[in-house]
Amino acid sequence: MGNAHLPQRTCIGCRTRRPVGDLTRISWSDTSGLGFGRAAQGRGAWLCDGSEECLAAALARRAFPRAFRRSLDDSVLTRIAFSMGKDAGLAIGDPARAYDNRS
């Protein structure tokens, strides 16, 4: 069993394919809202575990609304950042700007 297939997914931040064990799944469902983990219901997006850079890139690229196929208000994006363990120096008006390292 040394060649067992390991499912892979693409991180929405860095766009790198990795085994699901190296990624965190974030999902959105209209009935249950924001969810975390492989068992959470709804449309999902994957981010590299613990990567602030991937979270920043996903926010800057507006990858979450695209992955969830719905528009998201800033409070949902802020909850994602807090749930991922980041201090949200997130500006409520523009969550992506807080992680923009170019300024």
PDB file of N, CA and C in Angstrom:
ATOM      1  N   MET A   1       0.813  -1.201   0.000  1.00  0.00           N
ATOM      2  CA  MET A   1       0.000   0.000   0.000  1.00  0.00           C
ATOM      3  C   MET A   1       0.850   1.256   0.000  1.00  0.00           C
ATOM      4  N   GLY A   2       2.088   1.170  -0.384  1.00  0.00           N
ATOM      5  CA  GLY A   2       2.963   2.322  -0.394  1.00  0.00           C
ATOM      6  C   GLY A   2       2.567   3.371  -1.413  1.00  0.00           C
ATOM      7  N   ASN A   3       1.798   2.999  -2.419  1.00  0.00           N
ATOM      8  CA  ASN A   3       1.415   3.939  -3.462  1.00  0.00           C
ATOM      9  C   ASN A   3      -0.039   4.362  -3.340  1.00  0.00           C
ATOM     10  N   ALA A   4      -0.548   4.477  -2.125  1.00  0.00           N
ATOM     11  CA  ALA A   4      -1.933   4.884  -1.928  1.00  0.00           C
ATOM     12  C   ALA A   4      -2.133   6.303  -2.455  1.00  0.00           C
ATOM     13  N   HIS A   5      -3.264   6.499  -3.097  1.00  0.00           N
ATOM     14  CA  HIS A   5      -3.588   7.817  -3.649  1.00  0.00           C
ATOM     15  C   HIS A   5      -3.939   8.782  -2.523  1.00  0.00           C
ATOM     16  N   LEU A   6      -3.299   9.938  -2.503  1.00  0.00           N
ATOM     17  CA  LEU A   6      -3.615  10.987  -1.545  1.00  0.00           C
ATOM     18  C   LEU A   6      -4.340  12.102  -2.286  1.00  0.00           C
ATOM     19  N   PRO A   7      -5.569  12.431  -1.868  1.00  0.00           N
ATOM     20  CA  PRO A   7      -6.290  13.511  -2.546  1.00  0.00           C
ATOM     21  C   PRO A   7      -5.519  14.822  -2.441  1.00  0.00           C
ATOM     22  N   GLN A   8      -5.549  15.593  -3.507  1.00  0.00           N
ATOM     23  CA  GLN A   8      -4.878  16.888  -3.526  1.00  0.00           C
ATOM     24  C   GLN A   8      -5.886  17.967  -3.882  1.00  0.00           C
ATOM     25  N   ARG A   9      -5.650  19.144  -3.350  1.00  0.00           N
ATOM     26  CA  ARG A   9      -6.475  20.305  -3.642  1.00  0.00           C
ATOM     27  C   ARG A   9      -5.538  21.487  -3.883  1.00  0.00           C
ATOM     28  N   THR A  10      -6.091  22.563  -4.439  1.00  0.00           N
ATOM     29  CA  THR A  10      -5.309  23.758  -4.733  1.00  0.00           C
ATOM     30  C   THR A  10      -5.603  24.839  -3.705  1.00  0.00           C
ATOM     31  N   CYS A  11      -4.560  25.408  -3.139  1.00  0.00           N
ATOM     32  CA  CYS A  11      -4.693  26.528  -2.210  1.00  0.00           C
ATOM     33  C   CYS A  11      -5.169  27.749  -3.004  1.00  0.00           C
ATOM     34  N   ILE A  12      -6.212  28.431  -2.505  1.00  0.00           N
ATOM     35  CA  ILE A  12      -6.716  29.598  -3.235  1.00  0.00           C
ATOM     36  C   ILE A  12      -5.827  30.826  -3.045  1.00  0.00           C
ATOM     37  N   GLY A  13      -4.855  30.743  -2.147  1.00  0.00           N
ATOM     38  CA  GLY A  13      -3.923  31.853  -1.949  1.00  0.00           C
ATOM     39  C   GLY A  13      -2.726  31.764  -2.872  1.00  0.00           C
ATOM     40  N   CYS A  14      -1.969  30.671  -2.752  1.00  0.00           N
ATOM     41  CA  CYS A  14      -0.725  30.530  -3.529  1.00  0.00           C
ATOM     42  C   CYS A  14      -0.912  29.717  -4.810  1.00  0.00           C
ATOM     43  N   ARG A  15      -2.077  29.106  -4.983  1.00  0.00           N
ATOM     44  CA  ARG A  15      -2.424  28.311  -6.174  1.00  0.00           C
ATOM     45  C   ARG A  15      -1.546  27.068  -6.324  1.00  0.00           C
ATOM     46  N   THR A  16      -0.997  26.567  -5.223  1.00  0.00           N
ATOM     47  CA  THR A  16      -0.166  25.368  -5.226  1.00  0.00           C
ATOM     48  C   THR A  16      -1.017  24.161  -4.878  1.00  0.00           C
ATOM     49  N   ARG A  17      -0.830  23.056  -5.619  1.00  0.00           N
ATOM     50  CA  ARG A  17      -1.536  21.810  -5.304  1.00  0.00           C
ATOM     51  C   ARG A  17      -0.786  21.093  -4.192  1.00  0.00           C
ATOM     52  N   ARG A  18      -1.540  20.679  -3.171  1.00  0.00           N
ATOM     53  CA  ARG A  18      -0.961  19.989  -2.018  1.00  0.00           C
ATOM     54  C   ARG A  18      -1.910  18.891  -1.555  1.00  0.00           C
ATOM     55  N   PRO A  19      -1.389  17.927  -0.800  1.00  0.00           N
ATOM     56  CA  PRO A  19      -2.275  16.922  -0.192  1.00  0.00           C
ATOM     57  C   PRO A  19      -3.233  17.613   0.784  1.00  0.00           C
ATOM     58  N   VAL A  20      -4.459  17.092   0.894  1.00  0.00           N
ATOM     59  CA  VAL A  20      -5.456  17.732   1.754  1.00  0.00           C
ATOM     60  C   VAL A  20      -5.005  17.821   3.207  1.00  0.00           C
ATOM     61  N   GLY A  21      -4.099  16.964   3.639  1.00  0.00           N
ATOM     62  CA  GLY A  21      -3.592  17.028   5.006  1.00  0.00           C
ATOM     63  C   GLY A  21      -2.766  18.268   5.288  1.00  0.00           C
ATOM     64  N   ASP A  22      -2.291  18.934   4.239  1.00  0.00           N
ATOM     65  CA  ASP A  22      -1.482  20.145   4.392  1.00  0.00           C
ATOM     66  C   ASP A  22      -2.311  21.420   4.248  1.00  0.00           C
ATOM     67  N   LEU A  23      -3.612  21.262   4.046  1.00  0.00           N
ATOM     68  CA  LEU A  23      -4.489  22.398   3.780  1.00  0.00           C
ATOM     69  C   LEU A  23      -5.624  22.461   4.795  1.00  0.00           C
ATOM     70  N   THR A  24      -6.213  23.639   4.927  1.00  0.00           N
ATOM     71  CA  THR A  24      -7.401  23.844   5.749  1.00  0.00           C
ATOM     72  C   THR A  24      -8.563  24.163   4.829  1.00  0.00           C
ATOM     73  N   ARG A  25      -9.696  23.492   5.038  1.00  0.00           N
ATOM     74  CA  ARG A  25     -10.886  23.753   4.224  1.00  0.00           C
ATOM     75  C   ARG A  25     -11.767  24.761   4.937  1.00  0.00           C
ATOM     76  N   ILE A  26     -12.193  25.768   4.187  1.00  0.00           N
ATOM     77  CA  ILE A  26     -13.128  26.777   4.665  1.00  0.00           C
ATOM     78  C   ILE A  26     -14.331  26.694   3.738  1.00  0.00           C
ATOM     79  N   SER A  27     -15.530  26.675   4.303  1.00  0.00           N
ATOM     80  CA  SER A  27     -16.709  26.529   3.461  1.00  0.00           C
ATOM     81  C   SER A  27     -17.773  27.551   3.816  1.00  0.00           C
ATOM     82  N   TRP A  28     -18.688  27.748   2.869  1.00  0.00           N
ATOM     83  CA  TRP A  28     -19.842  28.614   3.082  1.00  0.00           C
ATOM     84  C   TRP A  28     -21.082  27.890   2.601  1.00  0.00           C
ATOM     85  N   SER A  29     -22.080  27.884   3.459  1.00  0.00           N
ATOM     86  CA  SER A  29     -23.382  27.326   3.122  1.00  0.00           C
ATOM     87  C   SER A  29     -24.433  28.356   3.500  1.00  0.00           C
ATOM     88  N   ASP A  30     -25.433  28.542   2.644  1.00  0.00           N
ATOM     89  CA  ASP A  30     -26.484  29.506   2.963  1.00  0.00           C
ATOM     90  C   ASP A  30     -27.268  29.095   4.203  1.00  0.00           C
ATOM     91  N   THR A  31     -27.305  27.804   4.496  1.00  0.00           N
ATOM     92  CA  THR A  31     -28.058  27.347   5.668  1.00  0.00           C
ATOM     93  C   THR A  31     -27.225  27.354   6.944  1.00  0.00           C
ATOM     94  N   SER A  32     -25.959  26.951   6.866  1.00  0.00           N
ATOM     95  CA  SER A  32     -25.153  26.863   8.090  1.00  0.00           C
ATOM     96  C   SER A  32     -24.066  27.932   8.186  1.00  0.00           C
ATOM     97  N   GLY A  33     -23.890  28.751   7.166  1.00  0.00           N
ATOM     98  CA  GLY A  33     -22.909  29.833   7.212  1.00  0.00           C
ATOM     99  C   GLY A  33     -21.483  29.348   7.031  1.00  0.00           C
ATOM    100  N   LEU A  34     -20.565  29.997   7.716  1.00  0.00           N
ATOM    101  CA  LEU A  34     -19.142  29.722   7.596  1.00  0.00           C
ATOM    102  C   LEU A  34     -18.785  28.440   8.337  1.00  0.00           C
ATOM    103  N   GLY A  35     -17.983  27.602   7.699  1.00  0.00           N
ATOM    104  CA  GLY A  35     -17.562  26.356   8.331  1.00  0.00           C
ATOM    105  C   GLY A  35     -16.098  26.075   8.066  1.00  0.00           C
ATOM    106  N   PHE A  36     -15.505  25.285   8.952  1.00  0.00           N
ATOM    107  CA  PHE A  36     -14.098  24.924   8.821  1.00  0.00           C
ATOM    108  C   PHE A  36     -13.963  23.421   8.938  1.00  0.00           C
ATOM    109  N   GLY A  37     -13.074  22.843   8.156  1.00  0.00           N
ATOM    110  CA  GLY A  37     -12.814  21.412   8.219  1.00  0.00           C
ATOM    111  C   GLY A  37     -13.397  20.672   7.031  1.00  0.00           C
ATOM    112  N   ARG A  38     -12.915  19.457   6.848  1.00  0.00           N
ATOM    113  CA  ARG A  38     -13.317  18.662   5.684  1.00  0.00           C
ATOM    114  C   ARG A  38     -14.782  18.265   5.723  1.00  0.00           C
ATOM    115  N   ALA A  39     -15.376  18.165   6.916  1.00  0.00           N
ATOM    116  CA  ALA A  39     -16.760  17.710   7.030  1.00  0.00           C
ATOM    117  C   ALA A  39     -17.776  18.847   6.954  1.00  0.00           C
ATOM    118  N   ALA A  40     -17.316  20.091   6.912  1.00  0.00           N
ATOM    119  CA  ALA A  40     -18.240  21.226   6.879  1.00  0.00           C
ATOM    120  C   ALA A  40     -19.024  21.229   5.573  1.00  0.00           C
ATOM    121  N   GLN A  41     -20.294  21.590   5.669  1.00  0.00           N
ATOM    122  CA  GLN A  41     -21.157  21.616   4.489  1.00  0.00           C
ATOM    123  C   GLN A  41     -20.903  22.856   3.651  1.00  0.00           C
ATOM    124  N   GLY A  42     -21.292  22.788   2.397  1.00  0.00           N
ATOM    125  CA  GLY A  42     -21.264  23.945   1.520  1.00  0.00           C
ATOM    126  C   GLY A  42     -20.085  23.949   0.565  1.00  0.00           C
ATOM    127  N   ARG A  43     -20.025  25.026  -0.227  1.00  0.00           N
ATOM    128  CA  ARG A  43     -18.926  25.198  -1.174  1.00  0.00           C
ATOM    129  C   ARG A  43     -17.662  25.486  -0.402  1.00  0.00           C
ATOM    130  N   GLY A  44     -16.582  24.851  -0.801  1.00  0.00           N
ATOM    131  CA  GLY A  44     -15.351  24.963  -0.034  1.00  0.00           C
ATOM    132  C   GLY A  44     -14.213  25.617  -0.777  1.00  0.00           C
ATOM    133  N   ALA A  45     -13.290  26.138   0.005  1.00  0.00           N
ATOM    134  CA  ALA A  45     -12.035  26.695  -0.485  1.00  0.00           C
ATOM    135  C   ALA A  45     -10.941  26.148   0.415  1.00  0.00           C
ATOM    136  N   TRP A  46      -9.764  25.968  -0.132  1.00  0.00           N
ATOM    137  CA  TRP A  46      -8.647  25.383   0.618  1.00  0.00           C
ATOM    138  C   TRP A  46      -7.515  26.387   0.724  1.00  0.00           C
ATOM    139  N   LEU A  47      -6.911  26.461   1.924  1.00  0.00           N
ATOM    140  CA  LEU A  47      -5.755  27.324   2.176  1.00  0.00           C
ATOM    141  C   LEU A  47      -4.656  26.507   2.831  1.00  0.00           C
ATOM    142  N   CYS A  48      -3.400  26.844   2.533  1.00  0.00           N
ATOM    143  CA  CYS A  48      -2.276  26.185   3.198  1.00  0.00           C
ATOM    144  C   CYS A  48      -2.399  26.400   4.701  1.00  0.00           C
ATOM    145  N   ASP A  49      -2.197  25.327   5.471  1.00  0.00           N
ATOM    146  CA  ASP A  49      -2.310  25.383   6.930  1.00  0.00           C
ATOM    147  C   ASP A  49      -1.397  26.449   7.520  1.00  0.00           C
ATOM    148  N   GLY A  50      -1.969  27.370   8.275  1.00  0.00           N
ATOM    149  CA  GLY A  50      -1.186  28.341   9.026  1.00  0.00           C
ATOM    150  C   GLY A  50      -0.437  29.370   8.210  1.00  0.00           C
ATOM    151  N   SER A  51      -0.741  29.497   6.938  1.00  0.00           N
ATOM    152  CA  SER A  51       0.015  30.414   6.091  1.00  0.00           C
ATOM    153  C   SER A  51      -0.659  31.780   6.014  1.00  0.00           C
ATOM    154  N   GLU A  52      -0.043  32.745   6.664  1.00  0.00           N
ATOM    155  CA  GLU A  52      -0.556  34.111   6.604  1.00  0.00           C
ATOM    156  C   GLU A  52      -0.431  34.668   5.186  1.00  0.00           C
ATOM    157  N   GLU A  53       0.619  34.261   4.475  1.00  0.00           N
ATOM    158  CA  GLU A  53       0.816  34.739   3.105  1.00  0.00           C
ATOM    159  C   GLU A  53      -0.311  34.259   2.192  1.00  0.00           C
ATOM    160  N   CYS A  54      -0.722  33.007   2.353  1.00  0.00           N
ATOM    161  CA  CYS A  54      -1.801  32.476   1.513  1.00  0.00           C
ATOM    162  C   CYS A  54      -3.128  33.152   1.831  1.00  0.00           C
ATOM    163  N   LEU A  55      -3.386  33.392   3.111  1.00  0.00           N
ATOM    164  CA  LEU A  55      -4.602  34.106   3.500  1.00  0.00           C
ATOM    165  C   LEU A  55      -4.595  35.509   2.911  1.00  0.00           C
ATOM    166  N   ALA A  56      -3.460  36.195   3.011  1.00  0.00           N
ATOM    167  CA  ALA A  56      -3.345  37.547   2.470  1.00  0.00           C
ATOM    168  C   ALA A  56      -3.576  37.554   0.962  1.00  0.00           C
ATOM    169  N   ALA A  57      -2.980  36.604   0.268  1.00  0.00           N
ATOM    170  CA  ALA A  57      -3.145  36.532  -1.185  1.00  0.00           C
ATOM    171  C   ALA A  57      -4.595  36.238  -1.557  1.00  0.00           C
ATOM    172  N   ALA A  58      -5.240  35.341  -0.823  1.00  0.00           N
ATOM    173  CA  ALA A  58      -6.639  35.004  -1.109  1.00  0.00           C
ATOM    174  C   ALA A  58      -7.546  36.211  -0.887  1.00  0.00           C
ATOM    175  N   LEU A  59      -7.287  36.978   0.178  1.00  0.00           N
ATOM    176  CA  LEU A  59      -8.086  38.178   0.424  1.00  0.00           C
ATOM    177  C   LEU A  59      -7.833  39.229  -0.650  1.00  0.00           C
ATOM    178  N   ALA A  60      -6.569  39.431  -1.006  1.00  0.00           N
ATOM    179  CA  ALA A  60      -6.223  40.442  -2.008  1.00  0.00           C
ATOM    180  C   ALA A  60      -6.805  40.100  -3.377  1.00  0.00           C
ATOM    181  N   ARG A  61      -6.834  38.823  -3.712  1.00  0.00           N
ATOM    182  CA  ARG A  61      -7.339  38.386  -5.019  1.00  0.00           C
ATOM    183  C   ARG A  61      -8.845  38.196  -5.029  1.00  0.00           C
ATOM    184  N   ARG A  62      -9.484  38.409  -3.871  1.00  0.00           N
ATOM    185  CA  ARG A  62     -10.927  38.194  -3.732  1.00  0.00           C
ATOM    186  C   ARG A  62     -11.309  36.770  -4.119  1.00  0.00           C
ATOM    187  N   ALA A  63     -10.485  35.833  -3.662  1.00  0.00           N
ATOM    188  CA  ALA A  63     -10.668  34.430  -4.030  1.00  0.00           C
ATOM    189  C   ALA A  63     -11.823  33.761  -3.286  1.00  0.00           C
ATOM    190  N   PHE A  64     -12.152  34.236  -2.083  1.00  0.00           N
ATOM    191  CA  PHE A  64     -13.236  33.592  -1.332  1.00  0.00           C
ATOM    192  C   PHE A  64     -14.593  33.744  -2.015  1.00  0.00           C
ATOM    193  N   PRO A  65     -14.994  34.953  -2.423  1.00  0.00           N
ATOM    194  CA  PRO A  65     -16.284  35.048  -3.124  1.00  0.00           C
ATOM    195  C   PRO A  65     -16.321  34.209  -4.403  1.00  0.00           C
ATOM    196  N   ARG A  66     -15.215  34.126  -5.089  1.00  0.00           N
ATOM    197  CA  ARG A  66     -15.160  33.328  -6.314  1.00  0.00           C
ATOM    198  C   ARG A  66     -15.294  31.842  -5.981  1.00  0.00           C
ATOM    199  N   ALA A  67     -14.602  31.382  -4.949  1.00  0.00           N
ATOM    200  CA  ALA A  67     -14.661  29.970  -4.570  1.00  0.00           C
ATOM    201  C   ALA A  67     -16.046  29.585  -4.049  1.00  0.00           C
ATOM    202  N   PHE A  68     -16.673  30.499  -3.297  1.00  0.00           N
ATOM    203  CA  PHE A  68     -17.987  30.207  -2.730  1.00  0.00           C
ATOM    204  C   PHE A  68     -19.122  30.515  -3.699  1.00  0.00           C
ATOM    205  N   ARG A  69     -18.780  31.145  -4.823  1.00  0.00           N
ATOM    206  CA  ARG A  69     -19.754  31.518  -5.850  1.00  0.00           C
ATOM    207  C   ARG A  69     -20.881  32.375  -5.288  1.00  0.00           C
ATOM    208  N   ARG A  70     -20.488  33.344  -4.482  1.00  0.00           N
ATOM    209  CA  ARG A  70     -21.451  34.297  -3.932  1.00  0.00           C
ATOM    210  C   ARG A  70     -20.682  35.506  -3.429  1.00  0.00           C
ATOM    211  N   SER A  71     -21.368  36.627  -3.355  1.00  0.00           N
ATOM    212  CA  SER A  71     -20.710  37.802  -2.793  1.00  0.00           C
ATOM    213  C   SER A  71     -20.685  37.660  -1.271  1.00  0.00           C
ATOM    214  N   LEU A  72     -19.640  38.178  -0.672  1.00  0.00           N
ATOM    215  CA  LEU A  72     -19.474  38.105   0.780  1.00  0.00           C
ATOM    216  C   LEU A  72     -19.292  39.510   1.322  1.00  0.00           C
ATOM    217  N   ASP A  73     -19.919  39.790   2.454  1.00  0.00           N
ATOM    218  CA  ASP A  73     -19.665  41.099   3.047  1.00  0.00           C
ATOM    219  C   ASP A  73     -18.379  41.036   3.873  1.00  0.00           C
ATOM    220  N   ASP A  74     -17.894  42.191   4.240  1.00  0.00           N
ATOM    221  CA  ASP A  74     -16.601  42.280   4.923  1.00  0.00           C
ATOM    222  C   ASP A  74     -16.577  41.542   6.253  1.00  0.00           C
ATOM    223  N   SER A  75     -17.732  41.429   6.914  1.00  0.00           N
ATOM    224  CA  SER A  75     -17.754  40.743   8.210  1.00  0.00           C
ATOM    225  C   SER A  75     -17.415  39.265   8.057  1.00  0.00           C
ATOM    226  N   VAL A  76     -17.821  38.647   6.952  1.00  0.00           N
ATOM    227  CA  VAL A  76     -17.489  37.236   6.718  1.00  0.00           C
ATOM    228  C   VAL A  76     -15.990  37.091   6.476  1.00  0.00           C
ATOM    229  N   LEU A  77     -15.412  37.979   5.699  1.00  0.00           N
ATOM    230  CA  LEU A  77     -13.973  37.926   5.438  1.00  0.00           C
ATOM    231  C   LEU A  77     -13.182  38.164   6.721  1.00  0.00           C
ATOM    232  N   THR A  78     -13.668  39.056   7.572  1.00  0.00           N
ATOM    233  CA  THR A  78     -13.013  39.304   8.854  1.00  0.00           C
ATOM    234  C   THR A  78     -13.096  38.068   9.740  1.00  0.00           C
ATOM    235  N   ARG A  79     -14.253  37.398   9.759  1.00  0.00           N
ATOM    236  CA  ARG A  79     -14.400  36.172  10.555  1.00  0.00           C
ATOM    237  C   ARG A  79     -13.460  35.085  10.061  1.00  0.00           C
ATOM    238  N   ILE A  80     -13.261  35.001   8.754  1.00  0.00           N
ATOM    239  CA  ILE A  80     -12.322  34.012   8.213  1.00  0.00           C
ATOM    240  C   ILE A  80     -10.920  34.296   8.750  1.00  0.00           C
ATOM    241  N   ALA A  81     -10.493  35.555   8.680  1.00  0.00           N
ATOM    242  CA  ALA A  81      -9.149  35.917   9.151  1.00  0.00           C
ATOM    243  C   ALA A  81      -8.990  35.621  10.635  1.00  0.00           C
ATOM    244  N   PHE A  82      -9.975  35.999  11.453  1.00  0.00           N
ATOM    245  CA  PHE A  82      -9.897  35.720  12.890  1.00  0.00           C
ATOM    246  C   PHE A  82      -9.886  34.226  13.154  1.00  0.00           C
ATOM    247  N   SER A  83     -10.700  33.476  12.439  1.00  0.00           N
ATOM    248  CA  SER A  83     -10.775  32.029  12.645  1.00  0.00           C
ATOM    249  C   SER A  83      -9.493  31.327  12.237  1.00  0.00           C
ATOM    250  N   MET A  84      -8.764  31.920  11.310  1.00  0.00           N
ATOM    251  CA  MET A  84      -7.488  31.350  10.893  1.00  0.00           C
ATOM    252  C   MET A  84      -6.377  31.751  11.865  1.00  0.00           C
ATOM    253  N   GLY A  85      -6.737  32.454  12.945  1.00  0.00           N
ATOM    254  CA  GLY A  85      -5.773  32.801  13.980  1.00  0.00           C
ATOM    255  C   GLY A  85      -4.978  34.051  13.691  1.00  0.00           C
ATOM    256  N   LYS A  86      -5.453  34.875  12.799  1.00  0.00           N
ATOM    257  CA  LYS A  86      -4.722  36.088  12.449  1.00  0.00           C
ATOM    258  C   LYS A  86      -5.300  37.259  13.219  1.00  0.00           C
ATOM    259  N   ASP A  87      -4.417  38.160  13.682  1.00  0.00           N
ATOM    260  CA  ASP A  87      -4.913  39.414  14.228  1.00  0.00           C
ATOM    261  C   ASP A  87      -5.430  40.165  13.037  1.00  0.00           C
ATOM    262  N   ALA A  88      -6.675  40.472  13.049  1.00  0.00           N
ATOM    263  CA  ALA A  88      -7.135  41.189  11.891  1.00  0.00           C
ATOM    264  C   ALA A  88      -6.867  42.637  12.156  1.00  0.00           C
ATOM    265  N   GLY A  89      -5.737  43.055  11.626  1.00  0.00           N
ATOM    266  CA  GLY A  89      -5.515  44.436  11.399  1.00  0.00           C
ATOM    267  C   GLY A  89      -6.297  44.681  10.133  1.00  0.00           C
ATOM    268  N   LEU A  90      -7.372  43.910   9.994  1.00  0.00           N
ATOM    269  CA  LEU A  90      -8.209  44.008   8.806  1.00  0.00           C
ATOM    270  C   LEU A  90      -9.031  45.280   8.872  1.00  0.00           C
ATOM    271  N   ALA A  91      -8.875  46.083   7.872  1.00  0.00           N
ATOM    272  CA  ALA A  91      -9.717  47.261   7.769  1.00  0.00           C
ATOM    273  C   ALA A  91     -11.097  46.785   7.342  1.00  0.00           C
ATOM    274  N   ILE A  92     -12.112  47.119   8.093  1.00  0.00           N
ATOM    275  CA  ILE A  92     -13.450  46.618   7.799  1.00  0.00           C
ATOM    276  C   ILE A  92     -13.877  47.027   6.398  1.00  0.00           C
ATOM    277  N   GLY A  93     -13.528  48.221   5.958  1.00  0.00           N
ATOM    278  CA  GLY A  93     -13.933  48.665   4.635  1.00  0.00           C
ATOM    279  C   GLY A  93     -13.225  47.935   3.508  1.00  0.00           C
ATOM    280  N   ASP A  94     -12.018  47.470   3.731  1.00  0.00           N
ATOM    281  CA  ASP A  94     -11.253  46.792   2.683  1.00  0.00           C
ATOM    282  C   ASP A  94     -10.334  45.760   3.319  1.00  0.00           C
ATOM    283  N   PRO A  95     -10.837  44.532   3.574  1.00  0.00           N
ATOM    284  CA  PRO A  95     -10.036  43.523   4.250  1.00  0.00           C
ATOM    285  C   PRO A  95      -8.718  43.222   3.554  1.00  0.00           C
ATOM    286  N   ALA A  96      -8.692  43.263   2.246  1.00  0.00           N
ATOM    287  CA  ALA A  96      -7.467  42.918   1.530  1.00  0.00           C
ATOM    288  C   ALA A  96      -6.368  43.942   1.801  1.00  0.00           C
ATOM    289  N   ARG A  97      -6.726  45.184   2.025  1.00  0.00           N
ATOM    290  CA  ARG A  97      -5.729  46.237   2.214  1.00  0.00           C
ATOM    291  C   ARG A  97      -4.878  45.993   3.456  1.00  0.00           C
ATOM    292  N   ALA A  98      -5.451  45.394   4.494  1.00  0.00           N
ATOM    293  CA  ALA A  98      -4.697  45.164   5.722  1.00  0.00           C
ATOM    294  C   ALA A  98      -3.533  44.216   5.498  1.00  0.00           C
ATOM    295  N   TYR A  99      -3.638  43.347   4.507  1.00  0.00           N
ATOM    296  CA  TYR A  99      -2.581  42.383   4.238  1.00  0.00           C
ATOM    297  C   TYR A  99      -1.732  42.769   3.041  1.00  0.00           C
ATOM    298  N   ASP A 100      -1.938  43.948   2.503  1.00  0.00           N
ATOM    299  CA  ASP A 100      -1.168  44.388   1.349  1.00  0.00           C
ATOM    300  C   ASP A 100       0.199  44.849   1.835  1.00  0.00           C
ATOM    301  N   ASN A 101       1.228  44.056   1.569  1.00  0.00           N
ATOM    302  CA  ASN A 101       2.574  44.350   2.059  1.00  0.00           C
ATOM    303  C   ASN A 101       3.324  45.358   1.199  1.00  0.00           C
ATOM    304  N   ARG A 102       2.731  45.830   0.139  1.00  0.00           N
ATOM    305  CA  ARG A 102       3.430  46.740  -0.766  1.00  0.00           C
ATOM    306  C   ARG A 102       3.459  48.166  -0.246  1.00  0.00           C
ATOM    307  N   SER A 103       2.655  48.493   0.764  1.00  0.00           N
ATOM    308  CA  SER A 103       2.611  49.888   1.222  1.00  0.00           C
ATOM    309  C   SER A 103       3.693  50.199   2.223  1.00  0.00           C
TER     310      SER A 103
END
